């Protein structure tokens, strides 16, 4: 039987410190002091579900309980931000289609395989958008094309795999792409099979190098509006991992408010007509050092 936590179960400053440090160490997510009340509100329901009386007990549950792994999934579902939609930051996407994809096609011509990773894909709109752009470019007919979407939140990955969307997801997509790549049904707009077949979704922590290596090498990585929620150490770890996963000449696309300033010197700036992205140098120094 689920009981409501008692009224005195308030998140103390010490409990907040312990919980945010534990969550930060595991996920890279950073929570400023002013986020304490929102943090408390979001996690309060878990005390009721688990029949715990205090946030201190919840901290101990996450550290030592046999079912802690499942509870971490709940934490990630509750605390991650998942605002996204198709064709977000359209100027960058047009540059990717018109300027970046032709270069990637040339670089990968011998292997005829294109791999792109949407890191922190939320409910899948970005990954499906990238697949549409690849299709629209008409550069990869007969190629092995794979767009990988990953997110730490289990419910987001489930939604991405389902591929069914409501009106709010279509606020920026061009009308012709909406008509070409979606099938309207009573429960929402379904991603067309020609796009679904290119996309693969997995629950994944960006800081888990052993899991991310299973994806293989990438020609391009999208990680837009994700690192802003990470602390500095987690940002550096993620960027180093992206550098490792990219082929030489591969590109990293961040959100418009994000940069690698003070994070990494391993990438070079790749200037496009209306935007700039980061590129792993095609040649590295001797002995394999970037």
Protein backbone atom coordinates (compact mmCIF):
# COMPACT_ATOMS: atom_id res chain seq x y z
CA UNK A 1 0.00 0.00 0.00
CA UNK A 2 1.41 3.41 -1.01
CA UNK A 3 1.29 6.09 1.67
CA UNK A 4 1.83 9.80 1.34
CA UNK A 5 5.11 11.05 2.81
CA UNK A 6 4.54 12.95 6.05
CA UNK A 7 4.44 16.70 5.87
CA UNK A 8 7.74 16.99 7.70
CA UNK A 9 9.51 15.21 4.82
CA UNK A 10 11.17 18.34 3.46
CA UNK A 11 14.40 18.34 1.50
CA UNK A 12 17.08 19.72 3.82
CA UNK A 13 20.14 21.51 2.47
CA UNK A 14 22.33 18.53 3.41
CA UNK A 15 20.00 16.04 1.70
CA UNK A 16 19.93 18.26 -1.38
CA UNK A 17 23.74 18.31 -1.43
CA UNK A 18 24.02 14.54 -1.08
CA UNK A 19 21.39 13.81 -3.72
CA UNK A 20 22.61 16.30 -6.30
CA UNK A 21 26.22 15.11 -5.87
CA UNK A 22 25.15 11.48 -6.32
CA UNK A 23 23.03 12.31 -9.36
CA UNK A 24 25.75 14.53 -10.83
CA UNK A 25 28.39 11.83 -10.43
CA UNK A 26 26.20 9.28 -12.17
CA UNK A 27 24.62 11.37 -14.93
CA UNK A 28 26.61 14.61 -15.21
CA UNK A 29 23.44 16.64 -14.53
CA UNK A 30 24.03 19.80 -12.53
CA UNK A 31 21.52 21.45 -10.20
CA UNK A 32 22.05 25.00 -8.94
CA UNK A 33 21.03 25.89 -5.35
CA UNK A 34 18.00 27.83 -6.60
CA UNK A 35 16.65 24.60 -8.13
CA UNK A 36 16.19 23.02 -4.70
CA UNK A 37 12.41 23.48 -4.50
CA UNK A 38 11.81 22.11 -8.01
CA UNK A 39 14.18 19.23 -7.25
CA UNK A 40 12.20 18.46 -4.08
CA UNK A 41 8.86 18.66 -5.87
CA UNK A 42 9.91 16.31 -8.66
CA UNK A 43 11.37 13.64 -6.37
CA UNK A 44 8.70 13.81 -3.66
CA UNK A 45 6.45 11.28 -5.42
CA UNK A 46 9.21 8.69 -5.24
CA UNK A 47 9.11 8.79 -1.43
CA UNK A 48 5.43 7.87 -1.56
CA UNK A 49 5.97 5.07 -4.09
CA UNK A 50 8.82 3.55 -2.07
CA UNK A 51 7.22 4.14 1.36
CA UNK A 52 10.12 6.26 2.53
CA UNK A 53 9.78 8.99 5.12
CA UNK A 54 12.70 11.30 4.33
CA UNK A 55 14.91 12.32 1.42
CA UNK A 56 17.81 10.96 3.43
CA UNK A 57 16.22 7.52 3.25
CA UNK A 58 15.80 8.04 -0.49
CA UNK A 59 19.51 8.83 -0.83
CA UNK A 60 20.35 5.59 1.00
CA UNK A 61 17.94 3.71 -1.26
CA UNK A 62 19.74 4.98 -4.37
CA UNK A 63 23.11 3.98 -2.95
CA UNK A 64 22.44 0.59 -1.40
CA UNK A 65 19.04 -0.92 -2.21
CA UNK A 66 18.96 -4.01 -4.49
CA UNK A 67 16.49 -2.23 -6.78
CA UNK A 68 18.58 0.96 -7.00
CA UNK A 69 19.28 0.48 -10.73
CA UNK A 70 15.58 0.61 -11.52
CA UNK A 71 15.16 3.64 -9.29
CA UNK A 72 17.90 5.50 -11.16
CA UNK A 73 15.74 5.16 -14.28
CA UNK A 74 12.93 6.89 -12.40
CA UNK A 75 15.28 9.68 -11.29
CA UNK A 76 16.43 10.31 -14.85
CA UNK A 77 12.87 10.33 -16.14
CA UNK A 78 11.84 12.91 -13.54
CA UNK A 79 14.82 15.26 -13.65
CA UNK A 80 15.71 15.51 -17.33
CA UNK A 81 14.40 18.28 -19.59
CA UNK A 82 12.76 17.03 -22.78
CA UNK A 83 11.63 20.08 -24.76
CA UNK A 84 12.17 19.36 -28.45
CA UNK A 85 10.46 19.37 -31.84
CA UNK A 86 11.13 18.55 -35.49
CA UNK A 87 13.51 20.79 -37.44
CA UNK A 88 14.71 22.67 -34.36
CA UNK A 89 17.35 25.35 -35.12
CA UNK A 90 16.53 25.14 -38.81
CA UNK A 91 19.44 27.31 -40.01
CA UNK A 92 21.89 24.74 -38.69
CA UNK A 93 19.95 21.84 -40.19
CA UNK A 94 19.91 23.47 -43.63
CA UNK A 95 23.67 24.00 -43.40
CA UNK A 96 24.08 20.36 -42.40
CA UNK A 97 22.05 19.17 -45.39
CA UNK A 98 23.54 21.52 -47.98
CA UNK A 99 27.16 21.86 -46.85
CA UNK A 100 28.10 19.13 -44.40
CA UNK A 101 26.43 16.07 -45.92
CA UNK A 102 28.18 16.47 -49.31
CA UNK A 103 31.55 16.53 -47.52
CA UNK A 104 30.66 13.48 -45.45
CA UNK A 105 29.51 11.66 -48.59
CA UNK A 106 32.89 12.32 -50.19
CA UNK A 107 34.81 11.22 -47.09
CA UNK A 108 32.81 8.00 -46.69
CA UNK A 109 32.58 7.09 -50.38
CA UNK A 110 34.83 4.04 -50.10
CA UNK A 111 32.94 2.42 -47.23
CA UNK A 112 29.49 3.62 -48.43
CA UNK A 113 28.26 3.70 -44.88
CA UNK A 114 26.98 6.77 -43.05
CA UNK A 115 26.55 6.78 -39.27
CA UNK A 116 25.10 9.71 -37.32
CA UNK A 117 24.44 9.95 -33.59
CA UNK A 118 21.79 12.11 -31.93
CA UNK A 119 23.19 12.18 -28.38
CA UNK A 120 20.49 13.17 -25.92
CA UNK A 121 17.75 12.60 -28.48
CA UNK A 122 14.85 13.09 -26.05
CA UNK A 123 11.65 11.79 -27.68
CA UNK A 124 13.26 11.27 -31.08
CA UNK A 125 12.36 14.33 -33.13
CA UNK A 126 15.99 15.29 -33.78
CA UNK A 127 17.04 11.80 -34.90
CA UNK A 128 14.09 11.52 -37.28
CA UNK A 129 14.80 15.03 -38.59
CA UNK A 130 18.39 14.06 -39.38
CA UNK A 131 17.19 10.94 -41.20
CA UNK A 132 14.82 13.11 -43.28
CA UNK A 133 17.70 15.45 -44.17
CA UNK A 134 19.84 12.52 -45.29
CA UNK A 135 16.97 11.29 -47.44
CA UNK A 136 16.34 14.79 -48.85
CA UNK A 137 20.02 15.20 -49.81
CA UNK A 138 19.76 12.31 -52.31
CA UNK A 139 23.47 11.60 -51.78
CA UNK A 140 23.28 8.21 -50.13
CA UNK A 141 21.21 5.94 -52.38
CA UNK A 142 22.30 2.33 -51.87
CA UNK A 143 24.37 3.21 -48.80
CA UNK A 144 24.13 1.67 -45.35
CA UNK A 145 22.68 4.63 -43.41
CA UNK A 146 22.07 4.55 -39.66
CA UNK A 147 20.92 7.34 -37.36
CA UNK A 148 21.40 6.39 -33.71
CA UNK A 149 19.40 8.17 -31.03
CA UNK A 150 20.28 7.82 -27.36
CA UNK A 151 18.86 9.31 -24.18
CA UNK A 152 19.29 8.63 -20.49
CA UNK A 153 15.53 8.82 -19.88
CA UNK A 154 13.76 5.51 -20.40
CA UNK A 155 10.36 7.05 -21.20
CA UNK A 156 11.92 9.30 -23.87
CA UNK A 157 13.50 6.33 -25.64
CA UNK A 158 10.18 4.49 -25.54
CA UNK A 159 8.44 7.49 -27.14
CA UNK A 160 11.14 7.78 -29.80
CA UNK A 161 10.79 4.12 -30.72
CA UNK A 162 7.03 4.52 -30.99
CA UNK A 163 7.45 7.41 -33.45
CA UNK A 164 3.99 8.95 -33.01
CA UNK A 165 3.72 12.71 -32.47
CA UNK A 166 1.20 15.44 -31.69
CA UNK A 167 0.85 18.93 -33.09
CA UNK A 168 3.45 20.58 -30.81
CA UNK A 169 6.24 18.57 -32.41
CA UNK A 170 5.53 20.14 -35.82
CA UNK A 171 5.88 23.84 -34.98
CA UNK A 172 8.94 24.35 -37.23
CA UNK A 173 9.01 21.59 -39.84
CA UNK A 174 8.54 22.61 -43.51
CA UNK A 175 5.09 21.65 -44.78
CA UNK A 176 6.44 19.49 -47.60
CA UNK A 177 8.49 17.39 -45.19
CA UNK A 178 5.46 17.01 -42.93
CA UNK A 179 3.46 15.68 -45.88
CA UNK A 180 6.23 13.44 -47.21
CA UNK A 181 7.42 11.69 -44.08
CA UNK A 182 4.40 11.26 -41.79
CA UNK A 183 1.20 9.28 -41.89
CA UNK A 184 -1.76 10.76 -39.99
CA UNK A 185 -3.72 8.31 -37.87
CA UNK A 186 -6.26 8.76 -35.06
CA UNK A 187 -3.59 8.56 -32.35
CA UNK A 188 -1.23 11.08 -34.01
CA UNK A 189 1.24 11.52 -36.84
CA UNK A 190 3.32 8.38 -37.42
CA UNK A 191 6.85 8.59 -38.82
CA UNK A 192 6.91 6.96 -42.26
CA UNK A 193 8.61 3.58 -42.46
CA UNK A 194 11.20 4.91 -44.95
CA UNK A 195 12.50 7.12 -42.11
CA UNK A 196 11.83 4.80 -39.17
CA UNK A 197 13.95 2.09 -40.77
CA UNK A 198 17.02 4.34 -40.66
CA UNK A 199 16.72 5.18 -36.95
CA UNK A 200 17.75 3.12 -33.93
CA UNK A 201 17.13 4.18 -30.33
CA UNK A 202 18.79 3.11 -27.09
CA UNK A 203 18.74 4.19 -23.47
CA UNK A 204 22.27 5.36 -22.74
CA UNK A 205 24.22 7.50 -20.31
CA UNK A 206 26.55 9.80 -22.27
CA UNK A 207 29.21 9.35 -19.60
CA UNK A 208 29.23 5.57 -19.93
CA UNK A 209 32.15 5.04 -22.31
CA UNK A 210 31.74 1.26 -22.46
CA UNK A 211 28.15 1.62 -23.71
CA UNK A 212 28.79 4.44 -26.17
CA UNK A 213 31.66 2.53 -27.78
CA UNK A 214 29.14 -0.11 -28.83
CA UNK A 215 27.76 2.42 -31.32
CA UNK A 216 30.98 2.29 -33.35
CA UNK A 217 32.48 5.23 -35.25
CA UNK A 218 30.38 8.18 -36.37
CA UNK A 219 30.49 10.59 -39.31
CA UNK A 220 28.52 13.22 -37.38
CA UNK A 221 27.29 13.71 -33.83
CA UNK A 222 24.44 16.01 -32.82
CA UNK A 223 24.50 16.98 -29.16
CA UNK A 224 22.37 20.11 -29.06
CA UNK A 225 21.12 21.75 -25.89
CA UNK A 226 22.28 18.84 -23.75
CA UNK A 227 25.64 19.90 -22.33
CA UNK A 228 24.08 23.03 -20.80
CA UNK A 229 22.61 20.75 -18.13
CA UNK A 230 26.00 19.15 -17.31
CA UNK A 231 28.64 20.27 -14.87
CA UNK A 232 32.07 21.25 -16.25
CA UNK A 233 33.71 17.88 -15.60
CA UNK A 234 30.89 15.97 -17.27
CA UNK A 235 31.00 18.30 -20.29
CA UNK A 236 34.70 17.60 -20.79
CA UNK A 237 34.17 13.87 -20.46
CA UNK A 238 31.35 13.90 -23.01
CA UNK A 239 33.33 16.00 -25.49
CA UNK A 240 36.35 13.68 -25.21
CA UNK A 241 34.06 10.74 -25.82
CA UNK A 242 32.58 12.41 -28.91
CA UNK A 243 36.08 13.04 -30.26
CA UNK A 244 36.92 9.37 -29.77
CA UNK A 245 33.74 8.21 -31.52
CA UNK A 246 34.11 10.41 -34.63
CA UNK A 247 35.94 9.41 -37.77
CA UNK A 248 38.69 11.86 -38.74
CA UNK A 249 36.88 14.64 -40.58
CA UNK A 250 33.67 13.91 -38.69
CA UNK A 251 31.64 16.80 -37.32
CA UNK A 252 30.13 17.71 -33.97
CA UNK A 253 27.05 19.94 -33.91
CA UNK A 254 26.16 21.71 -30.66
CA UNK A 255 23.26 24.00 -29.80
CA UNK A 256 23.43 27.65 -30.82
CA UNK A 257 24.27 28.76 -27.26
CA UNK A 258 26.96 26.13 -26.70
CA UNK A 259 30.66 26.09 -27.53
CA UNK A 260 33.84 24.16 -26.78
CA UNK A 261 35.54 27.20 -25.27
CA UNK A 262 37.56 26.03 -22.25
CA UNK A 263 36.42 22.45 -22.88
CA UNK A 264 38.55 21.05 -25.69
CA UNK A 265 41.23 21.98 -28.21
CA UNK A 266 40.99 18.65 -30.03
CA UNK A 267 38.42 19.96 -32.53
CA UNK A 268 38.84 22.55 -35.25
CA UNK A 269 36.23 25.12 -36.22
CA UNK A 270 34.50 24.30 -39.50
CA UNK A 271 33.04 27.48 -40.98
CA UNK A 272 29.89 27.16 -43.06
CA UNK A 273 28.07 29.91 -44.96
CA UNK A 274 25.62 30.66 -42.17
CA UNK A 275 26.91 28.68 -39.22
CA UNK A 276 29.92 26.95 -37.75
CA UNK A 277 30.36 23.45 -36.39
CA UNK A 278 33.26 21.53 -34.90
CA UNK A 279 35.29 18.99 -36.84
CA UNK A 280 37.71 16.30 -35.78
CA UNK A 281 40.88 17.03 -37.79
CA UNK A 282 41.32 14.75 -40.77
CA UNK A 283 44.93 14.25 -39.81
CA UNK A 284 46.25 13.81 -36.30
CA UNK A 285 49.69 14.33 -34.91
CA UNK A 286 52.18 11.51 -34.81
CA UNK A 287 51.69 8.67 -32.33
CA UNK A 288 47.93 9.18 -32.56
CA UNK A 289 47.67 12.29 -30.40
CA UNK A 290 45.05 14.82 -31.46
